[in-house]
Amino acid sequence: MNRPEQYERLAEMLKAKNDVLTELEALTWVEVLWEDFETSLARAGEPYPGEAKSFQYVVQQIDAYGPQLHLFQTKNEKFKHLMSKRNLH
């Protein structure tokens, strides 16, 4: 399975946990989680463990935080595009 297929599969998993997110938002969250994992490893000087480990990490994040991702609030420009105009209160 190539990376775009893995992203699609993970986005489907996320949508199953959080039906508030659109398909595009779920896919974007998956890409951000994957990229953040890889970037964190690189910054720490850790060797890249491969796509299987990245996939596993994103699954863990979806299991732990997937149902609440639509509530995520930040001022970080990197994540602002994931914030929709939903009324969360």
N, C-alpha and C. Protein backbone atom coordinates (compact mmCIF):
# COMPACT_ATOMS: atom_id res chain seq x y z
N MET A 1 0.85 -1.18 0.00
CA MET A 1 0.00 0.00 0.00
C MET A 1 0.90 1.24 0.00
N ASN A 2 0.65 2.17 -0.92
CA ASN A 2 1.46 3.38 -0.97
C ASN A 2 0.94 4.40 0.05
N ARG A 3 1.69 5.47 0.23
CA ARG A 3 1.34 6.45 1.26
C ARG A 3 -0.03 7.08 1.06
N PRO A 4 -0.38 7.53 -0.14
CA PRO A 4 -1.74 8.09 -0.31
C PRO A 4 -2.84 7.08 0.07
N GLU A 5 -2.63 5.83 -0.24
CA GLU A 5 -3.62 4.80 0.16
C GLU A 5 -3.66 4.65 1.67
N GLN A 6 -2.49 4.75 2.31
CA GLN A 6 -2.45 4.68 3.77
C GLN A 6 -3.18 5.87 4.37
N TYR A 7 -2.97 7.05 3.81
CA TYR A 7 -3.66 8.24 4.29
C TYR A 7 -5.18 8.07 4.17
N GLU A 8 -5.63 7.55 3.04
CA GLU A 8 -7.06 7.34 2.83
C GLU A 8 -7.63 6.35 3.86
N ARG A 9 -6.90 5.29 4.09
CA ARG A 9 -7.34 4.29 5.07
C ARG A 9 -7.42 4.90 6.47
N LEU A 10 -6.41 5.67 6.83
CA LEU A 10 -6.40 6.32 8.14
C LEU A 10 -7.53 7.35 8.25
N ALA A 11 -7.78 8.09 7.18
CA ALA A 11 -8.87 9.07 7.19
C ALA A 11 -10.22 8.37 7.39
N GLU A 12 -10.39 7.21 6.80
CA GLU A 12 -11.62 6.44 7.00
C GLU A 12 -11.75 6.03 8.47
N MET A 13 -10.63 5.61 9.07
CA MET A 13 -10.64 5.26 10.49
C MET A 13 -11.03 6.46 11.34
N LEU A 14 -10.47 7.61 11.01
CA LEU A 14 -10.78 8.83 11.76
C LEU A 14 -12.24 9.21 11.60
N LYS A 15 -12.76 9.14 10.38
CA LYS A 15 -14.17 9.46 10.15
C LYS A 15 -15.08 8.52 10.93
N ALA A 16 -14.68 7.27 11.10
CA ALA A 16 -15.46 6.31 11.88
C ALA A 16 -15.51 6.70 13.36
N LYS A 17 -14.47 7.38 13.82
CA LYS A 17 -14.40 7.83 15.22
C LYS A 17 -15.02 9.20 15.42
N ASN A 18 -15.04 10.01 14.35
CA ASN A 18 -15.49 11.40 14.48
C ASN A 18 -16.30 11.78 13.25
N ASP A 19 -17.60 11.73 13.38
CA ASP A 19 -18.46 12.03 12.23
C ASP A 19 -18.71 13.52 12.04
N VAL A 20 -18.10 14.36 12.89
CA VAL A 20 -18.21 15.80 12.73
C VAL A 20 -17.26 16.31 11.64
N LEU A 21 -16.10 15.67 11.53
CA LEU A 21 -15.12 16.08 10.53
C LEU A 21 -15.59 15.72 9.13
N THR A 22 -15.28 16.59 8.18
CA THR A 22 -15.54 16.26 6.78
C THR A 22 -14.47 15.27 6.32
N GLU A 23 -14.67 14.69 5.16
CA GLU A 23 -13.66 13.78 4.61
C GLU A 23 -12.34 14.50 4.40
N LEU A 24 -12.39 15.73 3.90
CA LEU A 24 -11.18 16.50 3.67
C LEU A 24 -10.49 16.84 4.99
N GLU A 25 -11.25 17.22 6.00
CA GLU A 25 -10.66 17.51 7.30
C GLU A 25 -10.00 16.28 7.89
N ALA A 26 -10.65 15.13 7.78
CA ALA A 26 -10.08 13.89 8.30
C ALA A 26 -8.77 13.56 7.58
N LEU A 27 -8.76 13.69 6.28
CA LEU A 27 -7.55 13.42 5.51
C LEU A 27 -6.44 14.41 5.89
N THR A 28 -6.79 15.65 6.07
CA THR A 28 -5.80 16.66 6.46
C THR A 28 -5.24 16.36 7.84
N TRP A 29 -6.10 15.97 8.78
CA TRP A 29 -5.62 15.61 10.12
C TRP A 29 -4.63 14.45 10.04
N VAL A 30 -4.94 13.46 9.24
CA VAL A 30 -4.06 12.30 9.10
C VAL A 30 -2.70 12.76 8.57
N GLU A 31 -2.70 13.59 7.55
CA GLU A 31 -1.45 14.07 6.97
C GLU A 31 -0.65 14.87 7.99
N VAL A 32 -1.32 15.72 8.76
CA VAL A 32 -0.64 16.53 9.77
C VAL A 32 -0.06 15.65 10.88
N LEU A 33 -0.83 14.69 11.35
CA LEU A 33 -0.33 13.79 12.40
C LEU A 33 0.88 13.01 11.91
N TRP A 34 0.81 12.49 10.70
CA TRP A 34 1.92 11.73 10.12
C TRP A 34 3.16 12.61 10.00
N GLU A 35 2.99 13.79 9.41
CA GLU A 35 4.11 14.71 9.21
C GLU A 35 4.71 15.14 10.54
N ASP A 36 3.86 15.41 11.52
CA ASP A 36 4.34 15.85 12.83
C ASP A 36 5.18 14.75 13.48
N PHE A 37 4.76 13.51 13.35
CA PHE A 37 5.52 12.38 13.90
C PHE A 37 6.90 12.31 13.25
N GLU A 38 6.93 12.36 11.93
CA GLU A 38 8.21 12.27 11.21
C GLU A 38 9.12 13.45 11.54
N THR A 39 8.55 14.64 11.62
CA THR A 39 9.33 15.84 11.93
C THR A 39 9.89 15.78 13.34
N SER A 40 9.09 15.32 14.28
CA SER A 40 9.55 15.21 15.66
C SER A 40 10.73 14.25 15.77
N LEU A 41 10.65 13.14 15.07
CA LEU A 41 11.76 12.18 15.08
C LEU A 41 13.02 12.81 14.48
N ALA A 42 12.86 13.50 13.38
CA ALA A 42 14.01 14.10 12.72
C ALA A 42 14.66 15.16 13.60
N ARG A 43 13.85 15.98 14.24
CA ARG A 43 14.38 17.03 15.12
C ARG A 43 15.12 16.43 16.31
N ALA A 44 14.67 15.28 16.76
CA ALA A 44 15.31 14.61 17.90
C ALA A 44 16.55 13.82 17.46
N GLY A 45 16.79 13.78 16.16
CA GLY A 45 17.95 13.04 15.65
C GLY A 45 17.75 11.54 15.63
N GLU A 46 16.51 11.13 15.70
CA GLU A 46 16.19 9.70 15.69
C GLU A 46 16.15 9.18 14.25
N PRO A 47 16.54 7.94 14.05
CA PRO A 47 16.44 7.37 12.70
C PRO A 47 14.97 7.15 12.33
N TYR A 48 14.68 7.30 11.06
CA TYR A 48 13.30 7.09 10.59
C TYR A 48 12.96 5.61 10.66
N PRO A 49 11.92 5.25 11.42
CA PRO A 49 11.59 3.84 11.60
C PRO A 49 10.78 3.23 10.46
N GLY A 50 10.38 4.04 9.49
CA GLY A 50 9.62 3.53 8.35
C GLY A 50 8.15 3.88 8.42
N GLU A 51 7.49 3.68 7.28
CA GLU A 51 6.09 4.05 7.17
C GLU A 51 5.19 3.22 8.07
N ALA A 52 5.55 1.98 8.33
CA ALA A 52 4.71 1.14 9.18
C ALA A 52 4.60 1.75 10.58
N LYS A 53 5.69 2.28 11.10
CA LYS A 53 5.68 2.89 12.42
C LYS A 53 4.89 4.20 12.40
N SER A 54 5.03 4.97 11.33
CA SER A 54 4.25 6.21 11.19
C SER A 54 2.76 5.89 11.14
N PHE A 55 2.40 4.86 10.39
CA PHE A 55 1.01 4.43 10.30
C PHE A 55 0.50 4.05 11.69
N GLN A 56 1.27 3.27 12.40
CA GLN A 56 0.89 2.82 13.75
C GLN A 56 0.71 4.02 14.69
N TYR A 57 1.60 4.99 14.60
CA TYR A 57 1.49 6.18 15.44
C TYR A 57 0.18 6.92 15.17
N VAL A 58 -0.15 7.12 13.90
CA VAL A 58 -1.38 7.83 13.56
C VAL A 58 -2.60 7.05 14.05
N VAL A 59 -2.58 5.74 13.93
CA VAL A 59 -3.69 4.92 14.45
C VAL A 59 -3.84 5.15 15.95
N GLN A 60 -2.73 5.19 16.67
CA GLN A 60 -2.78 5.43 18.12
C GLN A 60 -3.39 6.79 18.43
N GLN A 61 -3.01 7.80 17.66
CA GLN A 61 -3.56 9.15 17.87
C GLN A 61 -5.05 9.19 17.56
N ILE A 62 -5.46 8.50 16.51
CA ILE A 62 -6.88 8.44 16.16
C ILE A 62 -7.66 7.76 17.28
N ASP A 63 -7.13 6.65 17.79
CA ASP A 63 -7.80 5.94 18.87
C ASP A 63 -7.92 6.80 20.12
N ALA A 64 -6.86 7.55 20.44
CA ALA A 64 -6.84 8.34 21.66
C ALA A 64 -7.61 9.66 21.53
N TYR A 65 -7.48 10.33 20.40
CA TYR A 65 -7.99 11.69 20.28
C TYR A 65 -8.99 11.91 19.15
N GLY A 66 -9.20 10.92 18.31
CA GLY A 66 -10.07 11.07 17.15
C GLY A 66 -11.43 11.67 17.42
N PRO A 67 -12.15 11.18 18.43
CA PRO A 67 -13.49 11.72 18.67
C PRO A 67 -13.51 13.20 19.05
N GLN A 68 -12.39 13.73 19.53
CA GLN A 68 -12.34 15.12 19.96
C GLN A 68 -11.58 16.05 19.03
N LEU A 69 -11.04 15.58 17.94
CA LEU A 69 -10.20 16.43 17.08
C LEU A 69 -10.94 17.66 16.57
N HIS A 70 -12.23 17.57 16.36
CA HIS A 70 -12.97 18.73 15.87
C HIS A 70 -13.05 19.85 16.92
N LEU A 71 -12.69 19.55 18.17
CA LEU A 71 -12.71 20.55 19.24
C LEU A 71 -11.36 21.25 19.39
N PHE A 72 -10.36 20.80 18.67
CA PHE A 72 -9.00 21.32 18.80
C PHE A 72 -8.97 22.81 18.49
N GLN A 73 -8.38 23.58 19.40
CA GLN A 73 -8.25 25.03 19.23
C GLN A 73 -6.79 25.40 19.33
N THR A 74 -6.33 26.27 18.44
CA THR A 74 -4.94 26.71 18.47
C THR A 74 -4.80 28.06 17.79
N LYS A 75 -3.73 28.74 18.13
CA LYS A 75 -3.36 29.96 17.43
C LYS A 75 -2.19 29.68 16.48
N ASN A 76 -1.69 28.46 16.50
CA ASN A 76 -0.58 28.05 15.64
C ASN A 76 -1.04 28.05 14.19
N GLU A 77 -0.37 28.83 13.37
CA GLU A 77 -0.75 28.95 11.96
C GLU A 77 -0.72 27.61 11.23
N LYS A 78 0.15 26.71 11.67
CA LYS A 78 0.27 25.40 11.02
C LYS A 78 -1.04 24.62 11.09
N PHE A 79 -1.81 24.84 12.14
CA PHE A 79 -3.02 24.06 12.36
C PHE A 79 -4.31 24.85 12.14
N LYS A 80 -4.22 26.16 11.94
CA LYS A 80 -5.42 26.98 11.83
C LYS A 80 -6.36 26.52 10.71
N HIS A 81 -5.81 26.03 9.61
CA HIS A 81 -6.66 25.61 8.49
C HIS A 81 -7.54 24.41 8.87
N LEU A 82 -7.21 23.74 9.97
CA LEU A 82 -8.03 22.60 10.41
C LEU A 82 -9.20 23.03 11.26
N MET A 83 -9.18 24.28 11.69
CA MET A 83 -10.25 24.77 12.53
C MET A 83 -11.39 25.26 11.66
N SER A 84 -12.52 24.69 11.84
CA SER A 84 -13.66 25.13 11.05
C SER A 84 -14.38 26.23 11.83
N LYS A 85 -15.37 26.79 11.23
CA LYS A 85 -16.13 27.88 11.84
C LYS A 85 -17.27 27.34 12.71
N ARG A 86 -17.14 26.15 13.22
CA ARG A 86 -18.20 25.56 14.05
C ARG A 86 -18.31 26.28 15.38
N ASN A 87 -19.52 26.36 15.89
CA ASN A 87 -19.74 26.87 17.23
C ASN A 87 -19.55 25.72 18.20
N LEU A 88 -18.48 25.80 19.00
CA LEU A 88 -18.15 24.67 19.87
C LEU A 88 -18.71 24.81 21.27
N HIS A 89 -19.39 25.89 21.56
CA HIS A 89 -19.89 26.10 22.92
C HIS A 89 -21.35 25.80 23.02
